[in-house]
């Protein structure tokens, strides 16, 4: 099965002109029974996106047969991403699924928000499985 991707969800910084920070996460679940909860948690976070300061927007993605899911999120700057990472709702989800799989993530700066270019650069990060621990 190919990758499934959510619709774009805009954040309050969607109209930013100029450089943005792209963050890609990929979670490899150890057990199939955890994947639905992990994905539902991502959807719950996505609902809050329009209110997250410095968020340009995001997509969720999944490769269900590979037990993988994650996000491609666009941020105004690194400070905005750090606020999200430390946001209590996000921290609660990270703690809930810690030890049930492996997370990989990467970030890079892009000259602007160009969805096709961002996805072209993100795709290789979505294909590779996280190494077993």
C-alpha atoms as a PDB file:
ATOM      1  CA  UNK A   1       0.000   0.000   0.000  1.00  0.00           C
ATOM      2  CA  UNK A   2       1.260   3.452  -0.790  1.00  0.00           C
ATOM      3  CA  UNK A   3       1.427   6.314   1.605  1.00  0.00           C
ATOM      4  CA  UNK A   4      -1.779   8.021   2.700  1.00  0.00           C
ATOM      5  CA  UNK A   5      -1.645  11.736   3.384  1.00  0.00           C
ATOM      6  CA  UNK A   6      -4.103  14.021   5.173  1.00  0.00           C
ATOM      7  CA  UNK A   7      -5.339  17.240   3.739  1.00  0.00           C
ATOM      8  CA  UNK A   8      -3.318  20.372   4.448  1.00  0.00           C
ATOM      9  CA  UNK A   9      -4.127  22.059   7.750  1.00  0.00           C
ATOM     10  CA  UNK A  10      -3.205  25.736   7.953  1.00  0.00           C
ATOM     11  CA  UNK A  11      -1.747  27.410  10.998  1.00  0.00           C
ATOM     12  CA  UNK A  12      -1.933  31.089  11.932  1.00  0.00           C
ATOM     13  CA  UNK A  13       1.365  31.848  10.117  1.00  0.00           C
ATOM     14  CA  UNK A  14       0.131  30.415   6.786  1.00  0.00           C
ATOM     15  CA  UNK A  15       0.628  33.715   4.968  1.00  0.00           C
ATOM     16  CA  UNK A  16       4.320  33.979   5.864  1.00  0.00           C
ATOM     17  CA  UNK A  17       6.543  35.306   3.105  1.00  0.00           C
ATOM     18  CA  UNK A  18      10.130  34.137   3.049  1.00  0.00           C
ATOM     19  CA  UNK A  19      12.032  31.350   4.774  1.00  0.00           C
ATOM     20  CA  UNK A  20      10.297  28.607   6.755  1.00  0.00           C
ATOM     21  CA  UNK A  21      11.405  25.666   8.866  1.00  0.00           C
ATOM     22  CA  UNK A  22      10.269  22.213   7.740  1.00  0.00           C
ATOM     23  CA  UNK A  23      10.020  19.383  10.281  1.00  0.00           C
ATOM     24  CA  UNK A  24       9.474  15.772   9.263  1.00  0.00           C
ATOM     25  CA  UNK A  25       8.659  13.053  11.781  1.00  0.00           C
ATOM     26  CA  UNK A  26       8.365   9.329  11.167  1.00  0.00           C
ATOM     27  CA  UNK A  27       7.181   6.927  13.856  1.00  0.00           C
ATOM     28  CA  UNK A  28       7.715   3.190  13.405  1.00  0.00           C
ATOM     29  CA  UNK A  29       5.293   1.339  15.701  1.00  0.00           C
ATOM     30  CA  UNK A  30       6.356  -2.005  17.132  1.00  0.00           C
ATOM     31  CA  UNK A  31       2.797  -3.382  17.130  1.00  0.00           C
ATOM     32  CA  UNK A  32      -0.092  -2.915  14.738  1.00  0.00           C
ATOM     33  CA  UNK A  33      -2.535  -2.437  17.601  1.00  0.00           C
ATOM     34  CA  UNK A  34      -0.788   0.836  18.592  1.00  0.00           C
ATOM     35  CA  UNK A  35      -0.966   2.472  15.160  1.00  0.00           C
ATOM     36  CA  UNK A  36      -4.640   3.582  15.266  1.00  0.00           C
ATOM     37  CA  UNK A  37      -4.136   5.339  18.607  1.00  0.00           C
ATOM     38  CA  UNK A  38      -0.957   6.995  17.418  1.00  0.00           C
ATOM     39  CA  UNK A  39      -2.683   8.270  14.293  1.00  0.00           C
ATOM     40  CA  UNK A  40      -5.738   9.468  16.270  1.00  0.00           C
ATOM     41  CA  UNK A  41      -3.349  11.380  18.540  1.00  0.00           C
ATOM     42  CA  UNK A  42      -1.900  13.078  15.462  1.00  0.00           C
ATOM     43  CA  UNK A  43      -5.388  14.039  14.333  1.00  0.00           C
ATOM     44  CA  UNK A  44      -6.112  15.515  17.778  1.00  0.00           C
ATOM     45  CA  UNK A  45      -2.958  17.637  17.542  1.00  0.00           C
ATOM     46  CA  UNK A  46      -3.915  18.695  14.030  1.00  0.00           C
ATOM     47  CA  UNK A  47      -7.221  20.111  15.318  1.00  0.00           C
ATOM     48  CA  UNK A  48      -5.236  22.606  17.411  1.00  0.00           C
ATOM     49  CA  UNK A  49      -3.001  23.681  14.503  1.00  0.00           C
ATOM     50  CA  UNK A  50      -4.968  26.832  13.616  1.00  0.00           C
ATOM     51  CA  UNK A  51      -4.175  28.214  17.090  1.00  0.00           C
ATOM     52  CA  UNK A  52      -0.481  27.226  17.369  1.00  0.00           C
ATOM     53  CA  UNK A  53       1.639  30.348  17.286  1.00  0.00           C
ATOM     54  CA  UNK A  54       4.221  30.213  14.488  1.00  0.00           C
ATOM     55  CA  UNK A  55       2.657  27.196  12.739  1.00  0.00           C
ATOM     56  CA  UNK A  56       2.395  27.623   8.971  1.00  0.00           C
ATOM     57  CA  UNK A  57       0.620  24.292   8.549  1.00  0.00           C
ATOM     58  CA  UNK A  58       0.988  20.536   8.362  1.00  0.00           C
ATOM     59  CA  UNK A  59       0.103  17.205   6.815  1.00  0.00           C
ATOM     60  CA  UNK A  60      -0.164  13.842   8.528  1.00  0.00           C
ATOM     61  CA  UNK A  61       0.934  10.740   6.649  1.00  0.00           C
ATOM     62  CA  UNK A  62       0.798   6.992   7.200  1.00  0.00           C
ATOM     63  CA  UNK A  63       1.987   3.759   5.652  1.00  0.00           C
ATOM     64  CA  UNK A  64      -0.339   1.483   7.636  1.00  0.00           C
ATOM     65  CA  UNK A  65       0.937  -1.850   6.341  1.00  0.00           C
ATOM     66  CA  UNK A  66       4.446  -0.817   7.417  1.00  0.00           C
ATOM     67  CA  UNK A  67       3.189   0.392  10.844  1.00  0.00           C
ATOM     68  CA  UNK A  68       4.534   3.884  10.094  1.00  0.00           C
ATOM     69  CA  UNK A  69       3.051   7.341  10.454  1.00  0.00           C
ATOM     70  CA  UNK A  70       4.158  10.884  11.067  1.00  0.00           C
ATOM     71  CA  UNK A  71       3.913  14.467   9.971  1.00  0.00           C
ATOM     72  CA  UNK A  72       5.385  17.068   7.699  1.00  0.00           C
ATOM     73  CA  UNK A  73       4.989  20.408   9.429  1.00  0.00           C
ATOM     74  CA  UNK A  74       5.995  23.900   8.396  1.00  0.00           C
ATOM     75  CA  UNK A  75       6.981  26.516  10.954  1.00  0.00           C
ATOM     76  CA  UNK A  76       7.740  30.205  10.979  1.00  0.00           C
ATOM     77  CA  UNK A  77      11.024  29.482  12.774  1.00  0.00           C
ATOM     78  CA  UNK A  78      12.785  27.117  15.168  1.00  0.00           C
ATOM     79  CA  UNK A  79      11.347  28.878  18.209  1.00  0.00           C
ATOM     80  CA  UNK A  80       7.809  28.049  17.039  1.00  0.00           C
ATOM     81  CA  UNK A  81       8.745  24.383  16.570  1.00  0.00           C
ATOM     82  CA  UNK A  82      10.313  24.271  20.050  1.00  0.00           C
ATOM     83  CA  UNK A  83       7.126  25.714  21.578  1.00  0.00           C
ATOM     84  CA  UNK A  84       5.148  22.921  19.937  1.00  0.00           C
ATOM     85  CA  UNK A  85       7.568  20.206  21.058  1.00  0.00           C
ATOM     86  CA  UNK A  86       7.211  21.423  24.648  1.00  0.00           C
ATOM     87  CA  UNK A  87       3.437  21.951  24.445  1.00  0.00           C
ATOM     88  CA  UNK A  88       1.821  19.845  27.214  1.00  0.00           C
ATOM     89  CA  UNK A  89      -0.613  18.077  24.856  1.00  0.00           C
ATOM     90  CA  UNK A  90       2.289  17.027  22.611  1.00  0.00           C
ATOM     91  CA  UNK A  91       4.435  15.948  25.561  1.00  0.00           C
ATOM     92  CA  UNK A  92       1.585  13.753  26.881  1.00  0.00           C
ATOM     93  CA  UNK A  93       1.299  11.925  23.545  1.00  0.00           C
ATOM     94  CA  UNK A  94       5.065  11.457  23.234  1.00  0.00           C
ATOM     95  CA  UNK A  95       5.203   9.956  26.718  1.00  0.00           C
ATOM     96  CA  UNK A  96       2.218   7.671  26.048  1.00  0.00           C
ATOM     97  CA  UNK A  97       3.921   6.038  23.050  1.00  0.00           C
ATOM     98  CA  UNK A  98       7.544   6.156  24.204  1.00  0.00           C
ATOM     99  CA  UNK A  99       8.912   2.638  24.173  1.00  0.00           C
ATOM    100  CA  UNK A 100       6.266   1.356  21.736  1.00  0.00           C
ATOM    101  CA  UNK A 101       8.256   2.166  18.608  1.00  0.00           C
ATOM    102  CA  UNK A 102      10.976   4.390  17.206  1.00  0.00           C
ATOM    103  CA  UNK A 103      10.814   7.998  16.144  1.00  0.00           C
ATOM    104  CA  UNK A 104      13.040   9.689  13.623  1.00  0.00           C
ATOM    105  CA  UNK A 105      12.870  13.356  12.770  1.00  0.00           C
ATOM    106  CA  UNK A 106      14.674  15.916  10.713  1.00  0.00           C
ATOM    107  CA  UNK A 107      14.386  19.622  10.009  1.00  0.00           C
ATOM    108  CA  UNK A 108      15.649  21.959   7.341  1.00  0.00           C
ATOM    109  CA  UNK A 109      15.162  25.525   6.233  1.00  0.00           C
ATOM    110  CA  UNK A 110      13.328  26.209   2.997  1.00  0.00           C
ATOM    111  CA  UNK A 111      13.338  29.471   1.062  1.00  0.00           C
ATOM    112  CA  UNK A 112       9.546  29.604   1.274  1.00  0.00           C
ATOM    113  CA  UNK A 113       6.442  27.483   1.515  1.00  0.00           C
ATOM    114  CA  UNK A 114       6.351  25.542  -1.742  1.00  0.00           C
ATOM    115  CA  UNK A 115       4.361  22.327  -1.085  1.00  0.00           C
ATOM    116  CA  UNK A 116       5.711  20.341  -4.065  1.00  0.00           C
ATOM    117  CA  UNK A 117       9.340  21.153  -3.244  1.00  0.00           C
ATOM    118  CA  UNK A 118       8.855  20.363   0.447  1.00  0.00           C
ATOM    119  CA  UNK A 119       7.245  16.992  -0.345  1.00  0.00           C
ATOM    120  CA  UNK A 120      10.007  16.142  -2.801  1.00  0.00           C
ATOM    121  CA  UNK A 121      12.586  16.718  -0.070  1.00  0.00           C
ATOM    122  CA  UNK A 122      10.487  14.993   2.628  1.00  0.00           C
ATOM    123  CA  UNK A 123       9.713  11.756   0.738  1.00  0.00           C
ATOM    124  CA  UNK A 124      13.067  10.017   1.313  1.00  0.00           C
ATOM    125  CA  UNK A 125      12.618  10.534   5.065  1.00  0.00           C
ATOM    126  CA  UNK A 126       9.197   8.858   4.913  1.00  0.00           C
ATOM    127  CA  UNK A 127      10.436   5.751   3.106  1.00  0.00           C
ATOM    128  CA  UNK A 128      13.160   4.599   5.455  1.00  0.00           C
ATOM    129  CA  UNK A 129      12.338   2.524   8.503  1.00  0.00           C
ATOM    130  CA  UNK A 130      13.856   3.510  11.812  1.00  0.00           C
ATOM    131  CA  UNK A 131      16.549   1.065  12.928  1.00  0.00           C
ATOM    132  CA  UNK A 132      15.568  -1.420  15.637  1.00  0.00           C
ATOM    133  CA  UNK A 133      16.826  -0.593  19.095  1.00  0.00           C
END
